[in-house]
């Protein structure tokens, strides 16, 4: 199980967390690769500020606190009791760090899926790009409560698959290629309870260039 998790998280997470893993330093909130208003009108500046500086920062703080408590814990029982906090906050940090890179302004790389390996793989595994988006949105909108929708690479079959995870659970069964946050804090200020509108809009700012890089790393 552990080896499966490691292979699924590699290589995208390796790029994200190599420095902190080497130094064993405290986790920190990553800078966004664009301005808070850069994803408008599809994701508002208010949402991006709240999502990044409040929600993601909370996961970072919680992860650091849980890891420090774990290191100081004198008993196995106490270490076991900390597993849920490590999973929730660690998953939140991993997922959001991937998510920010998944997005790009529509006047840069956002929404543009050029001909290439990723488009070919999507057309092979889903029939067409539009059919993929339709299936992805349906699966993600169907999540009960909060969670994430993923386009993941299955190393056992060498195919792309749509997967969902609950809460802040990270994607361990596949290599994450594209992840979409369906927690209300990701869309409610702008789209209220209409998940479908948020999921339709977000494809205009999906960074397919980053997704294709992740696919290339995973397939090697």
N, C-alpha and C. Protein backbone atom coordinates (compact mmCIF):
# COMPACT_ATOMS: atom_id res chain seq x y z
N UNK A 1 0.84 -1.22 0.00
CA UNK A 1 0.00 0.00 0.00
C UNK A 1 0.86 1.25 0.00
N UNK A 2 1.91 1.22 0.85
CA UNK A 2 2.79 2.38 0.93
C UNK A 2 3.50 2.61 -0.38
N UNK A 3 3.95 1.51 -1.02
CA UNK A 3 4.65 1.67 -2.29
C UNK A 3 3.72 2.21 -3.36
N UNK A 4 2.44 1.79 -3.31
CA UNK A 4 1.46 2.30 -4.26
C UNK A 4 1.25 3.79 -4.08
N UNK A 5 1.14 4.20 -2.83
CA UNK A 5 0.94 5.62 -2.54
C UNK A 5 2.12 6.45 -3.01
N UNK A 6 3.32 5.94 -2.75
CA UNK A 6 4.51 6.69 -3.17
C UNK A 6 4.57 6.84 -4.68
N UNK A 7 4.24 5.76 -5.41
CA UNK A 7 4.31 5.83 -6.86
C UNK A 7 3.23 6.74 -7.42
N UNK A 8 2.06 6.77 -6.76
CA UNK A 8 0.98 7.62 -7.24
C UNK A 8 1.29 9.09 -7.02
N UNK A 9 1.91 9.39 -5.92
CA UNK A 9 2.21 10.78 -5.60
C UNK A 9 3.39 11.31 -6.40
N UNK A 10 4.25 10.44 -6.86
CA UNK A 10 5.37 10.84 -7.68
C UNK A 10 4.91 10.94 -9.13
N UNK A 11 5.33 11.92 -9.95
CA UNK A 11 6.40 12.87 -9.67
C UNK A 11 5.91 14.27 -9.27
N UNK A 12 4.63 14.54 -9.45
CA UNK A 12 4.13 15.90 -9.25
C UNK A 12 4.39 16.40 -7.85
N UNK A 13 4.13 15.57 -6.86
CA UNK A 13 4.33 16.00 -5.48
C UNK A 13 5.81 16.09 -5.13
N UNK A 14 6.61 15.29 -5.81
CA UNK A 14 8.05 15.39 -5.58
C UNK A 14 8.54 16.77 -5.96
N UNK A 15 8.06 17.30 -7.08
CA UNK A 15 8.44 18.66 -7.50
C UNK A 15 8.00 19.69 -6.49
N UNK A 16 6.81 19.47 -5.91
CA UNK A 16 6.26 20.47 -5.01
C UNK A 16 6.95 20.51 -3.66
N UNK A 17 7.35 19.34 -3.15
CA UNK A 17 7.77 19.26 -1.76
C UNK A 17 9.20 18.77 -1.56
N UNK A 18 9.99 18.71 -2.62
CA UNK A 18 11.35 18.20 -2.49
C UNK A 18 12.18 19.00 -1.50
N UNK A 19 12.09 20.32 -1.58
CA UNK A 19 12.91 21.17 -0.72
C UNK A 19 12.56 20.98 0.75
N UNK A 20 11.26 21.00 1.06
CA UNK A 20 10.86 20.88 2.47
C UNK A 20 11.17 19.50 3.01
N UNK A 21 11.05 18.46 2.15
CA UNK A 21 11.34 17.12 2.61
C UNK A 21 12.82 16.96 2.94
N UNK A 22 13.66 17.59 2.14
CA UNK A 22 15.10 17.48 2.37
C UNK A 22 15.51 18.19 3.65
N UNK A 23 15.00 19.38 3.85
CA UNK A 23 15.39 20.18 5.00
C UNK A 23 14.58 19.87 6.25
N UNK A 24 13.43 19.16 6.08
CA UNK A 24 12.53 18.87 7.19
C UNK A 24 12.14 20.15 7.93
N UNK A 25 11.92 21.19 7.18
CA UNK A 25 11.53 22.46 7.76
C UNK A 25 10.01 22.51 7.85
N UNK A 26 9.50 23.58 8.44
CA UNK A 26 8.07 23.76 8.52
C UNK A 26 7.50 23.97 7.12
N UNK A 27 6.31 23.48 6.91
CA UNK A 27 5.62 23.72 5.65
C UNK A 27 5.20 25.18 5.59
N UNK A 28 5.21 25.74 4.41
CA UNK A 28 4.83 27.14 4.23
C UNK A 28 3.82 27.27 3.11
N UNK A 29 3.07 28.36 3.13
CA UNK A 29 2.09 28.63 2.09
C UNK A 29 2.81 29.02 0.81
N UNK A 30 2.60 28.31 -0.29
CA UNK A 30 3.28 28.68 -1.54
C UNK A 30 2.67 29.94 -2.14
N UNK A 31 3.50 30.72 -2.79
CA UNK A 31 3.00 31.88 -3.52
C UNK A 31 2.19 31.43 -4.72
N UNK A 32 1.19 32.20 -5.08
CA UNK A 32 0.46 31.93 -6.31
C UNK A 32 1.30 32.37 -7.51
N UNK A 33 1.21 31.65 -8.62
CA UNK A 33 1.98 32.04 -9.82
C UNK A 33 1.27 33.10 -10.65
N UNK A 34 0.29 33.79 -10.07
CA UNK A 34 -0.47 34.83 -10.75
C UNK A 34 -1.12 35.70 -9.68
N UNK A 35 -1.65 36.85 -10.08
CA UNK A 35 -2.31 37.76 -9.13
C UNK A 35 -3.66 37.21 -8.71
N UNK A 36 -4.18 37.69 -7.58
CA UNK A 36 -5.45 37.19 -7.07
C UNK A 36 -6.61 37.48 -8.04
N UNK A 37 -6.50 38.53 -8.82
CA UNK A 37 -7.59 38.87 -9.74
C UNK A 37 -7.37 38.32 -11.15
N UNK A 38 -6.32 37.54 -11.33
CA UNK A 38 -5.93 37.11 -12.68
C UNK A 38 -6.87 36.10 -13.30
N UNK A 39 -7.66 35.42 -12.48
CA UNK A 39 -8.54 34.37 -13.00
C UNK A 39 -9.96 34.87 -13.25
N UNK A 40 -10.18 36.17 -13.00
CA UNK A 40 -11.49 36.74 -13.27
C UNK A 40 -11.76 36.76 -14.78
N UNK A 41 -13.00 36.65 -15.22
CA UNK A 41 -14.22 36.62 -14.41
C UNK A 41 -14.64 35.24 -13.93
N UNK A 42 -13.81 34.24 -14.18
CA UNK A 42 -14.21 32.87 -13.90
C UNK A 42 -14.09 32.51 -12.43
N UNK A 43 -13.04 33.00 -11.77
CA UNK A 43 -12.90 32.88 -10.32
C UNK A 43 -12.53 34.26 -9.79
N UNK A 44 -13.32 34.77 -8.88
CA UNK A 44 -13.18 36.16 -8.44
C UNK A 44 -11.96 36.37 -7.55
N UNK A 45 -11.53 37.60 -7.51
CA UNK A 45 -10.42 37.98 -6.64
C UNK A 45 -10.74 37.69 -5.18
N UNK A 46 -11.97 37.95 -4.76
CA UNK A 46 -12.36 37.70 -3.37
C UNK A 46 -12.23 36.23 -3.00
N UNK A 47 -12.66 35.36 -3.91
CA UNK A 47 -12.53 33.92 -3.65
C UNK A 47 -11.07 33.52 -3.56
N UNK A 48 -10.27 33.99 -4.48
CA UNK A 48 -8.86 33.59 -4.50
C UNK A 48 -8.13 34.04 -3.24
N UNK A 49 -8.39 35.26 -2.78
CA UNK A 49 -7.75 35.74 -1.56
C UNK A 49 -8.15 34.91 -0.35
N UNK A 50 -9.44 34.68 -0.21
CA UNK A 50 -9.95 33.89 0.92
C UNK A 50 -9.44 32.46 0.85
N UNK A 51 -9.50 31.87 -0.32
CA UNK A 51 -9.11 30.48 -0.50
C UNK A 51 -7.63 30.26 -0.19
N UNK A 52 -6.80 31.15 -0.71
CA UNK A 52 -5.36 31.00 -0.57
C UNK A 52 -4.87 31.42 0.81
N UNK A 53 -5.20 32.63 1.25
CA UNK A 53 -4.61 33.18 2.48
C UNK A 53 -5.27 32.67 3.75
N UNK A 54 -6.50 32.22 3.65
CA UNK A 54 -7.21 31.74 4.84
C UNK A 54 -7.30 30.22 4.88
N UNK A 55 -7.93 29.64 3.87
CA UNK A 55 -8.17 28.20 3.90
C UNK A 55 -6.88 27.39 3.73
N UNK A 56 -6.10 27.70 2.69
CA UNK A 56 -4.86 26.94 2.52
C UNK A 56 -3.91 27.19 3.69
N UNK A 57 -3.84 28.42 4.15
CA UNK A 57 -2.97 28.72 5.29
C UNK A 57 -3.38 27.92 6.53
N UNK A 58 -4.68 27.71 6.71
CA UNK A 58 -5.16 26.92 7.84
C UNK A 58 -4.66 25.48 7.75
N UNK A 59 -4.66 24.91 6.55
CA UNK A 59 -4.15 23.55 6.38
C UNK A 59 -2.64 23.49 6.67
N UNK A 60 -1.92 24.49 6.23
CA UNK A 60 -0.48 24.54 6.49
C UNK A 60 -0.22 24.61 8.00
N UNK A 61 -0.94 25.49 8.68
CA UNK A 61 -0.77 25.61 10.13
C UNK A 61 -1.13 24.32 10.84
N UNK A 62 -2.24 23.70 10.41
CA UNK A 62 -2.67 22.45 11.04
C UNK A 62 -1.69 21.32 10.81
N UNK A 63 -1.11 21.26 9.62
CA UNK A 63 -0.13 20.22 9.31
C UNK A 63 1.13 20.39 10.15
N UNK A 64 1.62 21.62 10.25
CA UNK A 64 2.81 21.87 11.07
C UNK A 64 2.56 21.51 12.53
N UNK A 65 1.39 21.88 13.05
CA UNK A 65 1.06 21.57 14.45
C UNK A 65 0.96 20.07 14.67
N UNK A 66 0.34 19.36 13.72
CA UNK A 66 0.18 17.92 13.86
C UNK A 66 1.52 17.21 13.78
N UNK A 67 2.40 17.65 12.88
CA UNK A 67 3.72 17.02 12.75
C UNK A 67 4.57 17.27 13.99
N UNK A 68 4.47 18.47 14.55
CA UNK A 68 5.23 18.78 15.76
C UNK A 68 4.73 17.96 16.94
N UNK A 69 3.41 17.83 17.05
CA UNK A 69 2.85 17.01 18.12
C UNK A 69 3.23 15.55 17.95
N UNK A 70 3.23 15.09 16.71
CA UNK A 70 3.60 13.69 16.42
C UNK A 70 5.05 13.43 16.83
N UNK A 71 5.94 14.38 16.50
CA UNK A 71 7.36 14.20 16.82
C UNK A 71 7.60 14.17 18.32
N UNK A 72 6.77 14.90 19.05
CA UNK A 72 6.94 15.00 20.51
C UNK A 72 6.16 13.93 21.27
N UNK A 73 5.27 13.23 20.58
CA UNK A 73 4.39 12.28 21.24
C UNK A 73 5.18 11.11 21.82
N UNK A 74 4.96 10.78 23.10
CA UNK A 74 5.72 9.72 23.75
C UNK A 74 5.16 8.32 23.55
N UNK A 75 3.94 8.22 22.99
CA UNK A 75 3.32 6.90 22.91
C UNK A 75 2.75 6.62 21.53
N UNK A 76 2.65 5.32 21.22
CA UNK A 76 2.06 4.90 19.96
C UNK A 76 0.60 5.32 19.90
N UNK A 77 -0.09 5.21 21.02
CA UNK A 77 -1.51 5.59 21.07
C UNK A 77 -1.71 7.04 20.67
N UNK A 78 -0.87 7.93 21.17
CA UNK A 78 -0.99 9.35 20.82
C UNK A 78 -0.64 9.59 19.36
N UNK A 79 0.33 8.86 18.87
CA UNK A 79 0.69 9.01 17.45
C UNK A 79 -0.47 8.57 16.55
N UNK A 80 -1.12 7.48 16.93
CA UNK A 80 -2.27 7.00 16.15
C UNK A 80 -3.39 8.03 16.17
N UNK A 81 -3.60 8.65 17.32
CA UNK A 81 -4.67 9.64 17.47
C UNK A 81 -4.44 10.85 16.58
N UNK A 82 -3.19 11.10 16.17
CA UNK A 82 -2.87 12.26 15.34
C UNK A 82 -3.01 11.98 13.85
N UNK A 83 -3.29 10.72 13.47
CA UNK A 83 -3.33 10.37 12.06
C UNK A 83 -4.39 11.14 11.28
N UNK A 84 -5.57 11.34 11.88
CA UNK A 84 -6.63 12.04 11.15
C UNK A 84 -6.25 13.50 10.88
N UNK A 85 -5.58 14.16 11.84
CA UNK A 85 -5.15 15.54 11.64
C UNK A 85 -4.06 15.62 10.58
N UNK A 86 -3.16 14.66 10.57
CA UNK A 86 -2.11 14.62 9.56
C UNK A 86 -2.70 14.41 8.17
N UNK A 87 -3.66 13.49 8.08
CA UNK A 87 -4.28 13.20 6.78
C UNK A 87 -5.07 14.39 6.27
N UNK A 88 -5.89 15.00 7.13
CA UNK A 88 -6.75 16.10 6.70
C UNK A 88 -5.92 17.33 6.31
N UNK A 89 -5.03 17.75 7.19
CA UNK A 89 -4.25 18.96 6.91
C UNK A 89 -3.17 18.72 5.88
N UNK A 90 -2.54 17.54 5.93
CA UNK A 90 -1.54 17.22 4.92
C UNK A 90 -2.17 17.10 3.54
N UNK A 91 -3.34 16.46 3.47
CA UNK A 91 -4.05 16.37 2.20
C UNK A 91 -4.47 17.73 1.69
N UNK A 92 -4.94 18.59 2.61
CA UNK A 92 -5.33 19.94 2.21
C UNK A 92 -4.17 20.73 1.63
N UNK A 93 -3.00 20.56 2.23
CA UNK A 93 -1.81 21.26 1.73
C UNK A 93 -1.37 20.70 0.38
N UNK A 94 -1.34 19.39 0.25
CA UNK A 94 -0.96 18.76 -1.01
C UNK A 94 -1.93 19.15 -2.12
N UNK A 95 -3.22 19.00 -1.85
CA UNK A 95 -4.23 19.24 -2.89
C UNK A 95 -4.22 20.68 -3.36
N UNK A 96 -4.15 21.62 -2.43
CA UNK A 96 -4.19 23.02 -2.83
C UNK A 96 -2.90 23.44 -3.54
N UNK A 97 -1.77 22.89 -3.13
CA UNK A 97 -0.51 23.21 -3.82
C UNK A 97 -0.56 22.76 -5.27
N UNK A 98 -1.21 21.62 -5.51
CA UNK A 98 -1.41 21.16 -6.88
C UNK A 98 -2.43 22.04 -7.61
N UNK A 99 -3.49 22.40 -6.89
CA UNK A 99 -4.60 23.14 -7.49
C UNK A 99 -4.17 24.50 -8.04
N UNK A 100 -3.36 25.24 -7.27
CA UNK A 100 -2.94 26.56 -7.74
C UNK A 100 -2.19 26.46 -9.07
N UNK A 101 -1.35 25.43 -9.20
CA UNK A 101 -0.60 25.25 -10.44
C UNK A 101 -1.49 24.74 -11.57
N UNK A 102 -2.64 24.16 -11.19
CA UNK A 102 -3.62 23.68 -12.17
C UNK A 102 -4.32 24.81 -12.90
N UNK A 103 -4.19 26.03 -12.37
CA UNK A 103 -4.93 27.17 -12.90
C UNK A 103 -3.99 28.18 -13.56
N UNK A 104 -4.52 28.89 -14.53
CA UNK A 104 -3.75 29.92 -15.23
C UNK A 104 -4.73 30.93 -15.83
N UNK A 105 -4.37 32.20 -15.87
CA UNK A 105 -5.26 33.19 -16.48
C UNK A 105 -5.64 32.80 -17.90
N UNK A 106 -6.86 33.15 -18.30
CA UNK A 106 -7.34 32.77 -19.63
C UNK A 106 -6.58 33.46 -20.74
N UNK A 107 -5.89 34.56 -20.43
CA UNK A 107 -5.09 35.24 -21.46
C UNK A 107 -3.64 34.77 -21.47
N UNK A 108 -3.35 33.74 -20.69
CA UNK A 108 -2.00 33.14 -20.69
C UNK A 108 -2.13 31.71 -21.22
N UNK A 109 -2.21 30.73 -20.31
CA UNK A 109 -2.36 29.34 -20.74
C UNK A 109 -3.73 28.77 -20.39
N UNK A 110 -4.52 29.50 -19.62
CA UNK A 110 -5.77 28.96 -19.12
C UNK A 110 -6.77 28.60 -20.21
N UNK A 111 -7.31 27.39 -20.11
CA UNK A 111 -8.35 26.95 -21.02
C UNK A 111 -7.87 26.46 -22.37
N UNK A 112 -6.60 26.58 -22.65
CA UNK A 112 -6.06 26.23 -23.97
C UNK A 112 -5.46 24.84 -23.95
N UNK A 113 -6.09 23.90 -24.64
CA UNK A 113 -5.57 22.54 -24.76
C UNK A 113 -5.11 22.31 -26.19
N UNK A 114 -3.83 22.52 -26.45
CA UNK A 114 -3.33 22.37 -27.82
C UNK A 114 -3.17 20.90 -28.20
N UNK A 115 -2.99 20.67 -29.48
CA UNK A 115 -2.68 19.32 -29.93
C UNK A 115 -1.41 18.85 -29.26
N UNK A 116 -1.40 17.61 -28.79
CA UNK A 116 -0.23 17.08 -28.10
C UNK A 116 -0.59 15.83 -27.33
N UNK A 117 0.34 15.31 -26.52
CA UNK A 117 0.13 14.06 -25.80
C UNK A 117 -1.10 14.05 -24.89
N UNK A 118 -1.36 15.15 -24.18
CA UNK A 118 -2.50 15.17 -23.26
C UNK A 118 -3.81 15.11 -24.02
N UNK A 119 -3.93 15.91 -25.05
CA UNK A 119 -5.18 15.90 -25.83
C UNK A 119 -5.40 14.54 -26.47
N UNK A 120 -4.36 13.94 -26.99
CA UNK A 120 -4.48 12.61 -27.60
C UNK A 120 -4.91 11.58 -26.57
N UNK A 121 -4.36 11.67 -25.37
CA UNK A 121 -4.71 10.71 -24.32
C UNK A 121 -6.16 10.89 -23.88
N UNK A 122 -6.60 12.14 -23.77
CA UNK A 122 -7.99 12.40 -23.40
C UNK A 122 -8.94 11.87 -24.47
N UNK A 123 -8.63 12.12 -25.72
CA UNK A 123 -9.49 11.65 -26.82
C UNK A 123 -9.49 10.12 -26.89
N UNK A 124 -8.35 9.51 -26.60
CA UNK A 124 -8.27 8.04 -26.59
C UNK A 124 -9.13 7.44 -25.49
N UNK A 125 -9.06 8.03 -24.29
CA UNK A 125 -9.69 7.42 -23.12
C UNK A 125 -11.13 7.88 -22.87
N UNK A 126 -11.54 9.00 -23.50
CA UNK A 126 -12.89 9.51 -23.26
C UNK A 126 -13.68 9.77 -24.54
N UNK A 127 -13.04 9.64 -25.68
CA UNK A 127 -13.73 9.85 -26.94
C UNK A 127 -13.53 11.23 -27.51
N UNK A 128 -13.62 12.25 -26.67
CA UNK A 128 -13.41 13.63 -27.09
C UNK A 128 -13.14 14.48 -25.85
N UNK A 129 -12.62 15.68 -26.06
CA UNK A 129 -12.37 16.60 -24.95
C UNK A 129 -13.68 17.01 -24.29
N UNK A 130 -14.69 17.28 -25.10
CA UNK A 130 -15.99 17.70 -24.56
C UNK A 130 -16.63 16.58 -23.74
N UNK A 131 -16.50 15.35 -24.19
CA UNK A 131 -17.05 14.22 -23.44
C UNK A 131 -16.30 14.04 -22.12
N UNK A 132 -15.01 14.24 -22.15
CA UNK A 132 -14.23 14.18 -20.90
C UNK A 132 -14.73 15.22 -19.90
N UNK A 133 -14.88 16.46 -20.35
CA UNK A 133 -15.34 17.53 -19.45
C UNK A 133 -16.73 17.20 -18.91
N UNK A 134 -17.60 16.67 -19.75
CA UNK A 134 -18.95 16.31 -19.33
C UNK A 134 -18.91 15.25 -18.24
N UNK A 135 -18.11 14.20 -18.43
CA UNK A 135 -18.00 13.14 -17.44
C UNK A 135 -17.34 13.63 -16.16
N UNK A 136 -16.31 14.45 -16.31
CA UNK A 136 -15.60 14.99 -15.15
C UNK A 136 -16.54 15.85 -14.31
N UNK A 137 -17.26 16.75 -14.94
CA UNK A 137 -18.17 17.64 -14.22
C UNK A 137 -19.27 16.86 -13.52
N UNK A 138 -19.80 15.84 -14.18
CA UNK A 138 -20.87 15.05 -13.58
C UNK A 138 -20.37 14.30 -12.34
N UNK A 139 -19.19 13.70 -12.44
CA UNK A 139 -18.64 12.95 -11.31
C UNK A 139 -18.30 13.87 -10.15
N UNK A 140 -17.75 15.04 -10.45
CA UNK A 140 -17.35 15.98 -9.41
C UNK A 140 -18.56 16.62 -8.74
N UNK A 141 -19.57 16.98 -9.52
CA UNK A 141 -20.78 17.58 -8.97
C UNK A 141 -21.53 16.58 -8.08
N UNK A 142 -21.34 15.30 -8.32
CA UNK A 142 -22.06 14.28 -7.57
C UNK A 142 -21.45 13.98 -6.20
N UNK A 143 -20.29 14.56 -5.91
CA UNK A 143 -19.67 14.35 -4.61
C UNK A 143 -20.61 14.85 -3.51
N UNK A 144 -20.87 14.01 -2.54
CA UNK A 144 -21.72 14.40 -1.42
C UNK A 144 -20.87 15.13 -0.38
N UNK A 145 -21.26 16.36 -0.06
CA UNK A 145 -20.45 17.14 0.86
C UNK A 145 -19.29 17.77 0.13
N UNK A 146 -18.11 17.68 0.69
CA UNK A 146 -16.92 18.32 0.13
C UNK A 146 -15.93 17.29 -0.40
N UNK A 147 -15.13 17.71 -1.35
CA UNK A 147 -14.13 16.80 -1.90
C UNK A 147 -13.45 17.37 -3.12
N UNK A 148 -12.87 16.49 -3.90
CA UNK A 148 -12.09 16.88 -5.08
C UNK A 148 -12.41 15.98 -6.26
N UNK A 149 -12.45 16.58 -7.45
CA UNK A 149 -12.53 15.81 -8.68
C UNK A 149 -11.16 15.79 -9.34
N UNK A 150 -10.79 14.64 -9.87
CA UNK A 150 -9.45 14.47 -10.42
C UNK A 150 -9.47 13.82 -11.81
N UNK A 151 -8.56 14.26 -12.65
CA UNK A 151 -8.14 13.48 -13.79
C UNK A 151 -6.83 12.85 -13.37
N UNK A 152 -6.81 11.53 -13.25
CA UNK A 152 -5.63 10.85 -12.76
C UNK A 152 -5.05 9.88 -13.79
N UNK A 153 -3.77 9.65 -13.68
CA UNK A 153 -3.09 8.70 -14.57
C UNK A 153 -2.91 7.39 -13.82
N UNK A 154 -3.46 6.32 -14.38
CA UNK A 154 -3.36 4.98 -13.79
C UNK A 154 -2.13 4.30 -14.37
N UNK A 155 -1.11 4.15 -13.55
CA UNK A 155 0.16 3.57 -14.05
C UNK A 155 0.03 2.09 -14.37
N UNK A 156 -0.99 1.43 -13.82
CA UNK A 156 -1.17 0.00 -14.10
C UNK A 156 -1.75 -0.22 -15.49
N UNK A 157 -2.59 0.71 -15.94
CA UNK A 157 -3.23 0.56 -17.25
C UNK A 157 -2.71 1.56 -18.28
N UNK A 158 -1.90 2.53 -17.82
CA UNK A 158 -1.39 3.60 -18.69
C UNK A 158 -2.52 4.39 -19.34
N UNK A 159 -3.57 4.62 -18.55
CA UNK A 159 -4.73 5.35 -19.05
C UNK A 159 -5.11 6.46 -18.09
N UNK A 160 -5.83 7.45 -18.63
CA UNK A 160 -6.37 8.52 -17.81
C UNK A 160 -7.74 8.11 -17.30
N UNK A 161 -8.02 8.43 -16.04
CA UNK A 161 -9.30 8.08 -15.43
C UNK A 161 -9.79 9.23 -14.57
N UNK A 162 -11.12 9.34 -14.44
CA UNK A 162 -11.73 10.33 -13.56
C UNK A 162 -11.94 9.69 -12.20
N UNK A 163 -11.46 10.37 -11.17
CA UNK A 163 -11.52 9.85 -9.81
C UNK A 163 -11.99 10.98 -8.90
N UNK A 164 -12.69 10.64 -7.83
CA UNK A 164 -13.06 11.64 -6.82
C UNK A 164 -12.53 11.21 -5.47
N UNK A 165 -12.23 12.19 -4.63
CA UNK A 165 -11.81 11.91 -3.25
C UNK A 165 -12.64 12.78 -2.31
N UNK A 166 -12.90 12.26 -1.13
CA UNK A 166 -13.71 12.98 -0.16
C UNK A 166 -12.85 13.92 0.67
N UNK A 167 -13.50 14.97 1.18
CA UNK A 167 -12.85 15.89 2.12
C UNK A 167 -11.54 16.43 1.54
N UNK A 168 -10.43 16.27 2.28
CA UNK A 168 -9.13 16.69 1.77
C UNK A 168 -8.22 15.49 1.49
N UNK A 169 -8.83 14.33 1.28
CA UNK A 169 -8.01 13.14 0.99
C UNK A 169 -7.21 13.36 -0.29
N UNK A 170 -5.92 13.14 -0.25
CA UNK A 170 -5.12 13.28 -1.48
C UNK A 170 -5.35 12.09 -2.39
N UNK A 171 -5.06 12.26 -3.65
CA UNK A 171 -5.21 11.18 -4.62
C UNK A 171 -3.99 10.26 -4.54
N UNK A 172 -4.18 9.04 -4.05
CA UNK A 172 -3.08 8.10 -3.88
C UNK A 172 -3.10 6.97 -4.90
N UNK A 173 -4.26 6.69 -5.48
CA UNK A 173 -4.39 5.56 -6.40
C UNK A 173 -3.90 5.88 -7.81
N UNK A 174 -3.82 7.15 -8.13
CA UNK A 174 -3.40 7.62 -9.45
C UNK A 174 -2.42 8.78 -9.28
N UNK A 175 -1.71 9.09 -10.35
CA UNK A 175 -0.94 10.34 -10.38
C UNK A 175 -1.89 11.47 -10.75
N UNK A 176 -1.99 12.52 -9.92
CA UNK A 176 -2.90 13.62 -10.26
C UNK A 176 -2.43 14.43 -11.46
N UNK A 177 -3.30 14.57 -12.45
CA UNK A 177 -3.00 15.36 -13.64
C UNK A 177 -3.74 16.70 -13.56
N UNK A 178 -5.03 16.65 -13.25
CA UNK A 178 -5.85 17.85 -13.02
C UNK A 178 -6.69 17.59 -11.78
N UNK A 179 -6.74 18.56 -10.88
CA UNK A 179 -7.59 18.45 -9.69
C UNK A 179 -8.46 19.68 -9.55
N UNK A 180 -9.73 19.48 -9.21
CA UNK A 180 -10.67 20.60 -9.03
C UNK A 180 -11.28 20.51 -7.63
N UNK A 181 -11.14 21.60 -6.90
CA UNK A 181 -11.67 21.71 -5.54
C UNK A 181 -13.17 21.96 -5.60
N UNK A 182 -13.96 21.08 -4.95
CA UNK A 182 -15.40 21.26 -4.94
C UNK A 182 -15.91 21.58 -3.54
N UNK A 183 -14.99 21.98 -2.64
CA UNK A 183 -15.41 22.53 -1.36
C UNK A 183 -16.11 23.86 -1.62
N UNK A 184 -17.11 24.20 -0.79
CA UNK A 184 -17.86 25.44 -1.03
C UNK A 184 -16.97 26.68 -0.99
N UNK A 185 -15.89 26.64 -0.20
CA UNK A 185 -15.05 27.84 -0.13
C UNK A 185 -14.39 28.15 -1.47
N UNK A 186 -14.37 27.18 -2.39
CA UNK A 186 -13.75 27.39 -3.70
C UNK A 186 -14.66 28.14 -4.67
N UNK A 187 -15.98 28.21 -4.36
CA UNK A 187 -16.88 28.80 -5.36
C UNK A 187 -18.08 29.54 -4.79
N UNK A 188 -18.41 29.39 -3.51
CA UNK A 188 -19.71 29.84 -3.02
C UNK A 188 -19.90 31.35 -3.11
N UNK A 189 -18.87 32.14 -2.86
CA UNK A 189 -19.01 33.60 -2.90
C UNK A 189 -19.44 34.09 -4.27
N UNK A 190 -19.12 33.34 -5.31
CA UNK A 190 -19.43 33.76 -6.68
C UNK A 190 -20.58 32.96 -7.28
N UNK A 191 -20.58 31.67 -7.06
CA UNK A 191 -21.56 30.80 -7.71
C UNK A 191 -22.63 30.27 -6.76
N UNK A 192 -22.55 30.66 -5.49
CA UNK A 192 -23.47 30.19 -4.45
C UNK A 192 -23.55 28.67 -4.49
N UNK A 193 -24.74 28.09 -4.56
CA UNK A 193 -24.84 26.63 -4.49
C UNK A 193 -24.92 25.96 -5.86
N UNK A 194 -24.62 26.72 -6.92
CA UNK A 194 -24.73 26.17 -8.28
C UNK A 194 -23.37 25.60 -8.71
N UNK A 195 -23.10 24.39 -8.29
CA UNK A 195 -21.83 23.74 -8.60
C UNK A 195 -21.60 23.64 -10.11
N UNK A 196 -22.68 23.38 -10.84
CA UNK A 196 -22.55 23.17 -12.29
C UNK A 196 -21.96 24.39 -12.98
N UNK A 197 -22.36 25.58 -12.56
CA UNK A 197 -21.83 26.80 -13.19
C UNK A 197 -20.35 26.97 -12.89
N UNK A 198 -19.96 26.68 -11.66
CA UNK A 198 -18.54 26.75 -11.28
C UNK A 198 -17.71 25.76 -12.09
N UNK A 199 -18.22 24.54 -12.22
CA UNK A 199 -17.47 23.51 -12.94
C UNK A 199 -17.38 23.83 -14.43
N UNK A 200 -18.40 24.45 -14.98
CA UNK A 200 -18.34 24.87 -16.39
C UNK A 200 -17.32 25.99 -16.57
N UNK A 201 -17.32 26.94 -15.64
CA UNK A 201 -16.45 28.11 -15.76
C UNK A 201 -14.98 27.77 -15.58
N UNK A 202 -14.68 26.82 -14.71
CA UNK A 202 -13.28 26.61 -14.34
C UNK A 202 -12.43 26.09 -15.50
N UNK A 203 -13.06 25.47 -16.50
CA UNK A 203 -12.28 24.98 -17.64
C UNK A 203 -11.64 26.13 -18.43
N UNK A 204 -12.15 27.33 -18.25
CA UNK A 204 -11.56 28.49 -18.93
C UNK A 204 -10.22 28.92 -18.32
N UNK A 205 -9.92 28.41 -17.12
CA UNK A 205 -8.66 28.77 -16.47
C UNK A 205 -7.84 27.54 -16.06
N UNK A 206 -8.20 26.38 -16.59
CA UNK A 206 -7.39 25.19 -16.32
C UNK A 206 -6.09 25.29 -17.11
N UNK A 207 -4.99 25.01 -16.42
CA UNK A 207 -3.66 25.10 -17.02
C UNK A 207 -3.30 23.74 -17.63
N UNK A 208 -3.68 23.56 -18.88
CA UNK A 208 -3.42 22.28 -19.54
C UNK A 208 -1.93 22.07 -19.80
N UNK A 209 -1.18 23.15 -19.88
CA UNK A 209 0.28 23.03 -20.06
C UNK A 209 0.90 22.33 -18.86
N UNK A 210 0.49 22.74 -17.65
CA UNK A 210 0.95 22.08 -16.43
C UNK A 210 0.46 20.64 -16.39
N UNK A 211 -0.77 20.41 -16.79
CA UNK A 211 -1.33 19.06 -16.78
C UNK A 211 -0.55 18.14 -17.72
N UNK A 212 -0.19 18.66 -18.88
CA UNK A 212 0.56 17.85 -19.84
C UNK A 212 1.96 17.52 -19.31
N UNK A 213 2.55 18.45 -18.59
CA UNK A 213 3.86 18.19 -17.97
C UNK A 213 3.74 17.08 -16.93
N UNK A 214 2.68 17.11 -16.14
CA UNK A 214 2.48 16.06 -15.14
C UNK A 214 2.29 14.70 -15.82
N UNK A 215 1.54 14.69 -16.92
CA UNK A 215 1.33 13.44 -17.65
C UNK A 215 2.65 12.89 -18.19
N UNK A 216 3.46 13.77 -18.74
CA UNK A 216 4.74 13.34 -19.30
C UNK A 216 5.64 12.74 -18.20
N UNK A 217 5.65 13.37 -17.03
CA UNK A 217 6.46 12.86 -15.90
C UNK A 217 5.92 11.52 -15.42
N UNK A 218 4.60 11.40 -15.35
CA UNK A 218 3.99 10.17 -14.84
C UNK A 218 4.20 9.00 -15.78
N UNK A 219 4.18 9.28 -17.08
CA UNK A 219 4.27 8.21 -18.07
C UNK A 219 5.69 7.71 -18.27
N UNK A 220 6.68 8.45 -17.80
CA UNK A 220 8.08 8.05 -17.95
C UNK A 220 8.51 7.07 -16.87
